C-alpha cells in the first residue's frame, strides 16, 4: 500500500516488515492529493499544483513529472485530485 501526506511525501508501507519507504518530491512540489499503484513497484501521485509524478519504488525521486497536467484555470494550474491506473 502507498499513502500520501501534506508533508509532501509518499510512503510505501511494508506491513509484513513493520516498516515503510519515504519518497520526497522536493521543495518545489506541493502536497499530493492522490496516489495510484500501477504495478508492484510503480505508482503515480497527483498534486494540488497540477503536477503528475511517476515513481518507482527503487528510486527516491520521481522518474518523470508532468507540470500542469490538467492545464490552467485562468492563471492558476488545475490541481490533480484523482488518478487511476
PDB file of N, CA and C in Angstrom:
ATOM      1  N   UNK A   1       0.825  -1.197   0.000  1.00  0.00           N
ATOM      2  CA  UNK A   1       0.000   0.000   0.000  1.00  0.00           C
ATOM      3  C   UNK A   1       0.869   1.261   0.000  1.00  0.00           C
ATOM      4  N   UNK A   2       0.337   2.310  -0.613  1.00  0.00           N
ATOM      5  CA  UNK A   2       1.029   3.597  -0.716  1.00  0.00           C
ATOM      6  C   UNK A   2       0.100   4.671  -0.168  1.00  0.00           C
ATOM      7  N   UNK A   3       0.664   5.630   0.547  1.00  0.00           N
ATOM      8  CA  UNK A   3      -0.120   6.754   1.056  1.00  0.00           C
ATOM      9  C   UNK A   3       0.606   8.051   0.760  1.00  0.00           C
ATOM     10  N   UNK A   4      -0.149   9.155   0.778  1.00  0.00           N
ATOM     11  CA  UNK A   4       0.432  10.480   0.593  1.00  0.00           C
ATOM     12  C   UNK A   4       0.067  11.337   1.796  1.00  0.00           C
ATOM     13  N   UNK A   5       0.839  12.396   1.996  1.00  0.00           N
ATOM     14  CA  UNK A   5       0.577  13.268   3.132  1.00  0.00           C
ATOM     15  C   UNK A   5       0.812  14.725   2.794  1.00  0.00           C
ATOM     16  N   UNK A   6       0.325  15.592   3.649  1.00  0.00           N
ATOM     17  CA  UNK A   6       0.503  17.034   3.476  1.00  0.00           C
ATOM     18  C   UNK A   6       1.955  17.458   3.676  1.00  0.00           C
ATOM     19  N   UNK A   7       2.802  16.562   4.152  1.00  0.00           N
ATOM     20  CA  UNK A   7       4.224  16.878   4.332  1.00  0.00           C
ATOM     21  C   UNK A   7       5.019  16.689   3.040  1.00  0.00           C
ATOM     22  N   UNK A   8       4.320  16.571   1.899  1.00  0.00           N
ATOM     23  CA  UNK A   8       4.913  16.414   0.564  1.00  0.00           C
ATOM     24  C   UNK A   8       5.685  15.102   0.412  1.00  0.00           C
ATOM     25  N   UNK A   9       5.226  14.060   1.086  1.00  0.00           N
ATOM     26  CA  UNK A   9       5.849  12.749   0.950  1.00  0.00           C
ATOM     27  C   UNK A   9       4.819  11.724   0.494  1.00  0.00           C
ATOM     28  N   UNK A  10       5.332  10.661  -0.093  1.00  0.00           N
ATOM     29  CA  UNK A  10       4.553   9.451  -0.361  1.00  0.00           C
ATOM     30  C   UNK A  10       5.264   8.338   0.391  1.00  0.00           C
ATOM     31  N   UNK A  11       4.497   7.414   0.922  1.00  0.00           N
ATOM     32  CA  UNK A  11       5.088   6.322   1.701  1.00  0.00           C
ATOM     33  C   UNK A  11       4.606   4.985   1.180  1.00  0.00           C
ATOM     34  N   UNK A  12       5.561   4.087   0.974  1.00  0.00           N
ATOM     35  CA  UNK A  12       5.272   2.719   0.572  1.00  0.00           C
ATOM     36  C   UNK A  12       5.415   1.850   1.818  1.00  0.00           C
ATOM     37  N   UNK A  13       4.310   1.267   2.234  1.00  0.00           N
ATOM     38  CA  UNK A  13       4.275   0.532   3.502  1.00  0.00           C
ATOM     39  C   UNK A  13       4.630  -0.935   3.292  1.00  0.00           C
ATOM     40  N   UNK A  14       5.550  -1.422   4.111  1.00  0.00           N
ATOM     41  CA  UNK A  14       5.919  -2.840   4.146  1.00  0.00           C
ATOM     42  C   UNK A  14       5.325  -3.415   5.424  1.00  0.00           C
ATOM     43  N   UNK A  15       4.106  -3.841   5.337  1.00  0.00           N
ATOM     44  CA  UNK A  15       3.354  -4.249   6.521  1.00  0.00           C
ATOM     45  C   UNK A  15       3.976  -5.467   7.191  1.00  0.00           C
ATOM     46  N   UNK A  16       4.409  -6.447   6.418  1.00  0.00           N
ATOM     47  CA  UNK A  16       4.992  -7.668   6.995  1.00  0.00           C
ATOM     48  C   UNK A  16       6.268  -7.360   7.787  1.00  0.00           C
ATOM     49  N   UNK A  17       7.009  -6.331   7.332  1.00  0.00           N
ATOM     50  CA  UNK A  17       8.264  -5.971   8.000  1.00  0.00           C
ATOM     51  C   UNK A  17       8.080  -4.846   9.019  1.00  0.00           C
ATOM     52  N   UNK A  18       6.850  -4.309   9.119  1.00  0.00           N
ATOM     53  CA  UNK A  18       6.544  -3.202  10.028  1.00  0.00           C
ATOM     54  C   UNK A  18       7.461  -1.999   9.762  1.00  0.00           C
ATOM     55  N   UNK A  19       7.599  -1.642   8.466  1.00  0.00           N
ATOM     56  CA  UNK A  19       8.439  -0.503   8.080  1.00  0.00           C
ATOM     57  C   UNK A  19       7.833   0.164   6.848  1.00  0.00           C
ATOM     58  N   UNK A  20       8.453   1.241   6.396  1.00  0.00           N
ATOM     59  CA  UNK A  20       7.994   1.926   5.192  1.00  0.00           C
ATOM     60  C   UNK A  20       9.146   2.683   4.545  1.00  0.00           C
ATOM     61  N   UNK A  21       8.992   2.960   3.239  1.00  0.00           N
ATOM     62  CA  UNK A  21       9.934   3.770   2.479  1.00  0.00           C
ATOM     63  C   UNK A  21       9.313   5.144   2.272  1.00  0.00           C
ATOM     64  N   UNK A  22      10.126   6.198   2.315  1.00  0.00           N
ATOM     65  CA  UNK A  22       9.635   7.564   2.149  1.00  0.00           C
ATOM     66  C   UNK A  22      10.140   8.121   0.822  1.00  0.00           C
ATOM     67  N   UNK A  23       9.231   8.702   0.050  1.00  0.00           N
ATOM     68  CA  UNK A  23       9.553   9.333  -1.227  1.00  0.00           C
ATOM     69  C   UNK A  23       9.228  10.816  -1.108  1.00  0.00           C
ATOM     70  N   UNK A  24      10.217  11.657  -1.389  1.00  0.00           N
ATOM     71  CA  UNK A  24      10.046  13.105  -1.258  1.00  0.00           C
ATOM     72  C   UNK A  24      10.060  13.756  -2.629  1.00  0.00           C
ATOM     73  N   UNK A  25       9.093  14.650  -2.839  1.00  0.00           N
ATOM     74  CA  UNK A  25       9.004  15.356  -4.108  1.00  0.00           C
ATOM     75  C   UNK A  25       9.908  16.567  -4.200  1.00  0.00           C
ATOM     76  N   UNK A  26      10.460  17.005  -3.097  1.00  0.00           N
ATOM     77  CA  UNK A  26      11.327  18.181  -3.110  1.00  0.00           C
ATOM     78  C   UNK A  26      10.566  19.436  -2.721  1.00  0.00           C
ATOM     79  N   UNK A  27      11.288  20.519  -2.590  1.00  0.00           N
ATOM     80  CA  UNK A  27      10.686  21.761  -2.105  1.00  0.00           C
ATOM     81  C   UNK A  27       9.798  22.442  -3.147  1.00  0.00           C
ATOM     82  N   UNK A  28       9.944  22.097  -4.418  1.00  0.00           N
ATOM     83  CA  UNK A  28       9.146  22.738  -5.463  1.00  0.00           C
ATOM     84  C   UNK A  28       7.845  22.010  -5.753  1.00  0.00           C
ATOM     85  N   UNK A  29       7.563  20.936  -5.046  1.00  0.00           N
ATOM     86  CA  UNK A  29       6.344  20.160  -5.266  1.00  0.00           C
ATOM     87  C   UNK A  29       5.401  20.394  -4.094  1.00  0.00           C
ATOM     88  N   UNK A  30       4.141  20.665  -4.407  1.00  0.00           N
ATOM     89  CA  UNK A  30       3.159  20.818  -3.336  1.00  0.00           C
ATOM     90  C   UNK A  30       2.723  19.449  -2.837  1.00  0.00           C
ATOM     91  N   UNK A  31       1.878  19.432  -1.846  1.00  0.00           N
ATOM     92  CA  UNK A  31       1.449  18.156  -1.279  1.00  0.00           C
ATOM     93  C   UNK A  31       0.616  17.373  -2.297  1.00  0.00           C
ATOM     94  N   UNK A  32       0.689  16.069  -2.180  1.00  0.00           N
ATOM     95  CA  UNK A  32      -0.035  15.180  -3.094  1.00  0.00           C
ATOM     96  C   UNK A  32      -1.460  14.967  -2.591  1.00  0.00           C
ATOM     97  N   UNK A  33      -2.412  14.979  -3.508  1.00  0.00           N
ATOM     98  CA  UNK A  33      -3.807  14.751  -3.174  1.00  0.00           C
ATOM     99  C   UNK A  33      -4.274  13.343  -3.508  1.00  0.00           C
ATOM    100  N   UNK A  34      -3.538  12.648  -4.383  1.00  0.00           N
ATOM    101  CA  UNK A  34      -3.963  11.307  -4.764  1.00  0.00           C
ATOM    102  C   UNK A  34      -2.755  10.463  -5.135  1.00  0.00           C
ATOM    103  N   UNK A  35      -2.964   9.156  -5.087  1.00  0.00           N
ATOM    104  CA  UNK A  35      -1.917   8.210  -5.456  1.00  0.00           C
ATOM    105  C   UNK A  35      -2.588   6.989  -6.079  1.00  0.00           C
ATOM    106  N   UNK A  36      -1.915   6.380  -7.037  1.00  0.00           N
ATOM    107  CA  UNK A  36      -2.454   5.195  -7.690  1.00  0.00           C
ATOM    108  C   UNK A  36      -1.307   4.235  -8.016  1.00  0.00           C
ATOM    109  N   UNK A  37      -1.457   2.978  -7.629  1.00  0.00           N
ATOM    110  CA  UNK A  37      -0.445   1.959  -7.927  1.00  0.00           C
ATOM    111  C   UNK A  37      -0.633   1.457  -9.353  1.00  0.00           C
ATOM    112  N   UNK A  38       0.466   1.404 -10.104  1.00  0.00           N
ATOM    113  CA  UNK A  38       0.412   0.903 -11.475  1.00  0.00           C
ATOM    114  C   UNK A  38       0.808  -0.565 -11.543  1.00  0.00           C
ATOM    115  N   UNK A  39       1.913  -0.892 -10.924  1.00  0.00           N
ATOM    116  CA  UNK A  39       2.421  -2.255 -10.797  1.00  0.00           C
ATOM    117  C   UNK A  39       2.968  -2.374  -9.385  1.00  0.00           C
ATOM    118  N   UNK A  40       3.606  -3.492  -9.081  1.00  0.00           N
ATOM    119  CA  UNK A  40       4.144  -3.680  -7.735  1.00  0.00           C
ATOM    120  C   UNK A  40       5.147  -2.609  -7.338  1.00  0.00           C
ATOM    121  N   UNK A  41       5.927  -2.113  -8.287  1.00  0.00           N
ATOM    122  CA  UNK A  41       6.985  -1.165  -7.940  1.00  0.00           C
ATOM    123  C   UNK A  41       6.852   0.194  -8.630  1.00  0.00           C
ATOM    124  N   UNK A  42       5.697   0.510  -9.219  1.00  0.00           N
ATOM    125  CA  UNK A  42       5.451   1.790  -9.887  1.00  0.00           C
ATOM    126  C   UNK A  42       4.167   2.410  -9.344  1.00  0.00           C
ATOM    127  N   UNK A  43       4.178   3.740  -9.146  1.00  0.00           N
ATOM    128  CA  UNK A  43       2.954   4.432  -8.749  1.00  0.00           C
ATOM    129  C   UNK A  43       2.955   5.874  -9.253  1.00  0.00           C
ATOM    130  N   UNK A  44       1.759   6.461  -9.318  1.00  0.00           N
ATOM    131  CA  UNK A  44       1.552   7.848  -9.727  1.00  0.00           C
ATOM    132  C   UNK A  44       1.117   8.660  -8.525  1.00  0.00           C
ATOM    133  N   UNK A  45       1.509   9.931  -8.484  1.00  0.00           N
ATOM    134  CA  UNK A  45       0.971  10.842  -7.486  1.00  0.00           C
ATOM    135  C   UNK A  45       0.500  12.104  -8.190  1.00  0.00           C
ATOM    136  N   UNK A  46      -0.663  12.613  -7.780  1.00  0.00           N
ATOM    137  CA  UNK A  46      -1.230  13.841  -8.328  1.00  0.00           C
ATOM    138  C   UNK A  46      -1.186  14.921  -7.265  1.00  0.00           C
ATOM    139  N   UNK A  47      -0.812  16.129  -7.661  1.00  0.00           N
ATOM    140  CA  UNK A  47      -0.569  17.202  -6.702  1.00  0.00           C
ATOM    141  C   UNK A  47      -1.498  18.383  -6.929  1.00  0.00           C
ATOM    142  N   UNK A  48      -1.741  19.153  -5.861  1.00  0.00           N
ATOM    143  CA  UNK A  48      -2.676  20.267  -5.967  1.00  0.00           C
ATOM    144  C   UNK A  48      -2.130  21.443  -6.770  1.00  0.00           C
ATOM    145  N   UNK A  49      -0.845  21.413  -7.141  1.00  0.00           N
ATOM    146  CA  UNK A  49      -0.300  22.456  -8.018  1.00  0.00           C
ATOM    147  C   UNK A  49      -0.319  22.025  -9.486  1.00  0.00           C
ATOM    148  N   UNK A  50      -0.978  20.899  -9.798  1.00  0.00           N
ATOM    149  CA  UNK A  50      -1.147  20.447 -11.167  1.00  0.00           C
ATOM    150  C   UNK A  50      -0.121  19.443 -11.646  1.00  0.00           C
ATOM    151  N   UNK A  51       0.850  19.095 -10.816  1.00  0.00           N
ATOM    152  CA  UNK A  51       1.882  18.135 -11.230  1.00  0.00           C
ATOM    153  C   UNK A  51       1.360  16.698 -11.115  1.00  0.00           C
ATOM    154  N   UNK A  52       1.790  15.868 -12.043  1.00  0.00           N
ATOM    155  CA  UNK A  52       1.525  14.436 -12.024  1.00  0.00           C
ATOM    156  C   UNK A  52       2.889  13.761 -12.083  1.00  0.00           C
ATOM    157  N   UNK A  53       3.217  12.960 -11.074  1.00  0.00           N
ATOM    158  CA  UNK A  53       4.560  12.362 -10.980  1.00  0.00           C
ATOM    159  C   UNK A  53       4.493  10.845 -11.043  1.00  0.00           C
ATOM    160  N   UNK A  54       5.451  10.263 -11.759  1.00  0.00           N
ATOM    161  CA  UNK A  54       5.603   8.813 -11.870  1.00  0.00           C
ATOM    162  C   UNK A  54       6.780   8.400 -10.998  1.00  0.00           C
ATOM    163  N   UNK A  55       6.560   7.410 -10.157  1.00  0.00           N
ATOM    164  CA  UNK A  55       7.573   6.961  -9.201  1.00  0.00           C
ATOM    165  C   UNK A  55       7.865   5.485  -9.381  1.00  0.00           C
ATOM    166  N   UNK A  56       9.075   5.097  -9.040  1.00  0.00           N
ATOM    167  CA  UNK A  56       9.486   3.699  -8.962  1.00  0.00           C
ATOM    168  C   UNK A  56      10.003   3.486  -7.540  1.00  0.00           C
ATOM    169  N   UNK A  57       9.596   2.396  -6.910  1.00  0.00           N
ATOM    170  CA  UNK A  57       9.955   2.210  -5.504  1.00  0.00           C
ATOM    171  C   UNK A  57      11.451   2.004  -5.282  1.00  0.00           C
ATOM    172  N   UNK A  58      12.210   1.713  -6.347  1.00  0.00           N
ATOM    173  CA  UNK A  58      13.668   1.572  -6.213  1.00  0.00           C
ATOM    174  C   UNK A  58      14.378   2.920  -6.157  1.00  0.00           C
ATOM    175  N   UNK A  59      13.673   4.012  -6.511  1.00  0.00           N
ATOM    176  CA  UNK A  59      14.280   5.346  -6.541  1.00  0.00           C
ATOM    177  C   UNK A  59      13.546   6.258  -5.575  1.00  0.00           C
ATOM    178  N   UNK A  60      14.262   7.182  -4.989  1.00  0.00           N
ATOM    179  CA  UNK A  60      13.676   8.085  -4.006  1.00  0.00           C
ATOM    180  C   UNK A  60      13.081   9.342  -4.623  1.00  0.00           C
ATOM    181  N   UNK A  61      13.397   9.623  -5.890  1.00  0.00           N
ATOM    182  CA  UNK A  61      12.860  10.791  -6.581  1.00  0.00           C
ATOM    183  C   UNK A  61      11.992  10.342  -7.738  1.00  0.00           C
ATOM    184  N   UNK A  62      11.106  11.213  -8.163  1.00  0.00           N
ATOM    185  CA  UNK A  62      10.205  10.880  -9.262  1.00  0.00           C
ATOM    186  C   UNK A  62      10.987  10.576 -10.537  1.00  0.00           C
ATOM    187  N   UNK A  63      10.557   9.545 -11.261  1.00  0.00           N
ATOM    188  CA  UNK A  63      11.179   9.163 -12.525  1.00  0.00           C
ATOM    189  C   UNK A  63      10.806  10.184 -13.606  1.00  0.00           C
ATOM    190  N   UNK A  64       9.562  10.650 -13.578  1.00  0.00           N
ATOM    191  CA  UNK A  64       9.082  11.649 -14.532  1.00  0.00           C
ATOM    192  C   UNK A  64       7.994  12.486 -13.876  1.00  0.00           C
ATOM    193  N   UNK A  65       7.898  13.745 -14.276  1.00  0.00           N
ATOM    194  CA  UNK A  65       6.873  14.649 -13.767  1.00  0.00           C
ATOM    195  C   UNK A  65       6.318  15.479 -14.912  1.00  0.00           C
ATOM    196  N   UNK A  66       4.987  15.593 -14.949  1.00  0.00           N
ATOM    197  CA  UNK A  66       4.320  16.442 -15.924  1.00  0.00           C
ATOM    198  C   UNK A  66       3.804  17.661 -15.168  1.00  0.00           C
ATOM    199  N   UNK A  67       4.290  18.847 -15.522  1.00  0.00           N
ATOM    200  CA  UNK A  67       3.792  20.084 -14.922  1.00  0.00           C
ATOM    201  C   UNK A  67       2.447  20.422 -15.544  1.00  0.00           C
ATOM    202  N   UNK A  68       1.575  20.998 -14.753  1.00  0.00           N
ATOM    203  CA  UNK A  68       0.236  21.418 -15.202  1.00  0.00           C
ATOM    204  C   UNK A  68      -0.427  20.358 -16.085  1.00  0.00           C
ATOM    205  N   UNK A  69      -0.577  19.161 -15.536  1.00  0.00           N
ATOM    206  CA  UNK A  69      -1.129  18.020 -16.279  1.00  0.00           C
ATOM    207  C   UNK A  69      -2.556  18.265 -16.763  1.00  0.00           C
ATOM    208  N   UNK A  70      -3.301  19.121 -16.057  1.00  0.00           N
ATOM    209  CA  UNK A  70      -4.684  19.418 -16.456  1.00  0.00           C
ATOM    210  C   UNK A  70      -4.848  20.838 -16.959  1.00  0.00           C
ATOM    211  N   UNK A  71      -3.750  21.485 -17.315  1.00  0.00           N
ATOM    212  CA  UNK A  71      -3.840  22.836 -17.859  1.00  0.00           C
ATOM    213  C   UNK A  71      -4.048  23.888 -16.785  1.00  0.00           C
ATOM    214  N   UNK A  72      -4.588  25.032 -17.198  1.00  0.00           N
ATOM    215  CA  UNK A  72      -4.764  26.169 -16.299  1.00  0.00           C
ATOM    216  C   UNK A  72      -6.227  26.557 -16.180  1.00  0.00           C
ATOM    217  N   UNK A  73      -6.564  27.165 -15.059  1.00  0.00           N
ATOM    218  CA  UNK A  73      -7.852  27.814 -14.860  1.00  0.00           C
ATOM    219  C   UNK A  73      -7.524  29.284 -14.657  1.00  0.00           C
ATOM    220  N   UNK A  74      -7.637  30.056 -15.718  1.00  0.00           N
ATOM    221  CA  UNK A  74      -7.146  31.431 -15.684  1.00  0.00           C
ATOM    222  C   UNK A  74      -5.630  31.396 -15.663  1.00  0.00           C
ATOM    223  N   UNK A  75      -5.038  31.941 -14.611  1.00  0.00           N
ATOM    224  CA  UNK A  75      -3.572  31.925 -14.494  1.00  0.00           C
ATOM    225  C   UNK A  75      -3.075  30.870 -13.513  1.00  0.00           C
ATOM    226  N   UNK A  76      -3.997  30.140 -12.898  1.00  0.00           N
ATOM    227  CA  UNK A  76      -3.619  29.122 -11.895  1.00  0.00           C
ATOM    228  C   UNK A  76      -3.692  27.723 -12.496  1.00  0.00           C
ATOM    229  N   UNK A  77      -2.714  26.858 -12.156  1.00  0.00           N
ATOM    230  CA  UNK A  77      -2.791  25.472 -12.650  1.00  0.00           C
ATOM    231  C   UNK A  77      -3.927  24.716 -11.962  1.00  0.00           C
ATOM    232  N   UNK A  78      -4.564  23.841 -12.717  1.00  0.00           N
ATOM    233  CA  UNK A  78      -5.617  22.992 -12.146  1.00  0.00           C
ATOM    234  C   UNK A  78      -4.959  21.844 -11.395  1.00  0.00           C
ATOM    235  N   UNK A  79      -5.374  21.624 -10.183  1.00  0.00           N
ATOM    236  CA  UNK A  79      -4.821  20.547  -9.366  1.00  0.00           C
ATOM    237  C   UNK A  79      -5.273  19.182  -9.841  1.00  0.00           C
ATOM    238  N   UNK A  80      -4.479  18.172  -9.523  1.00  0.00           N
ATOM    239  CA  UNK A  80      -4.820  16.784  -9.820  1.00  0.00           C
ATOM    240  C   UNK A  80      -5.390  16.190  -8.536  1.00  0.00           C
ATOM    241  N   UNK A  81      -6.692  15.934  -8.508  1.00  0.00           N
ATOM    242  CA  UNK A  81      -7.352  15.446  -7.303  1.00  0.00           C
ATOM    243  C   UNK A  81      -7.682  13.963  -7.353  1.00  0.00           C
ATOM    244  N   UNK A  82      -7.507  13.349  -8.522  1.00  0.00           N
ATOM    245  CA  UNK A  82      -7.793  11.926  -8.649  1.00  0.00           C
ATOM    246  C   UNK A  82      -6.933  11.338  -9.758  1.00  0.00           C
ATOM    247  N   UNK A  83      -6.362  10.174  -9.497  1.00  0.00           N
ATOM    248  CA  UNK A  83      -5.625   9.468 -10.547  1.00  0.00           C
ATOM    249  C   UNK A  83      -5.931   7.985 -10.394  1.00  0.00           C
ATOM    250  N   UNK A  84      -6.018   7.305 -11.523  1.00  0.00           N
ATOM    251  CA  UNK A  84      -6.402   5.901 -11.518  1.00  0.00           C
ATOM    252  C   UNK A  84      -5.575   5.153 -12.551  1.00  0.00           C
ATOM    253  N   UNK A  85      -5.151   3.963 -12.200  1.00  0.00           N
ATOM    254  CA  UNK A  85      -4.359   3.160 -13.117  1.00  0.00           C
ATOM    255  C   UNK A  85      -5.244   2.372 -14.054  1.00  0.00           C
TER     256      UNK A  85
END
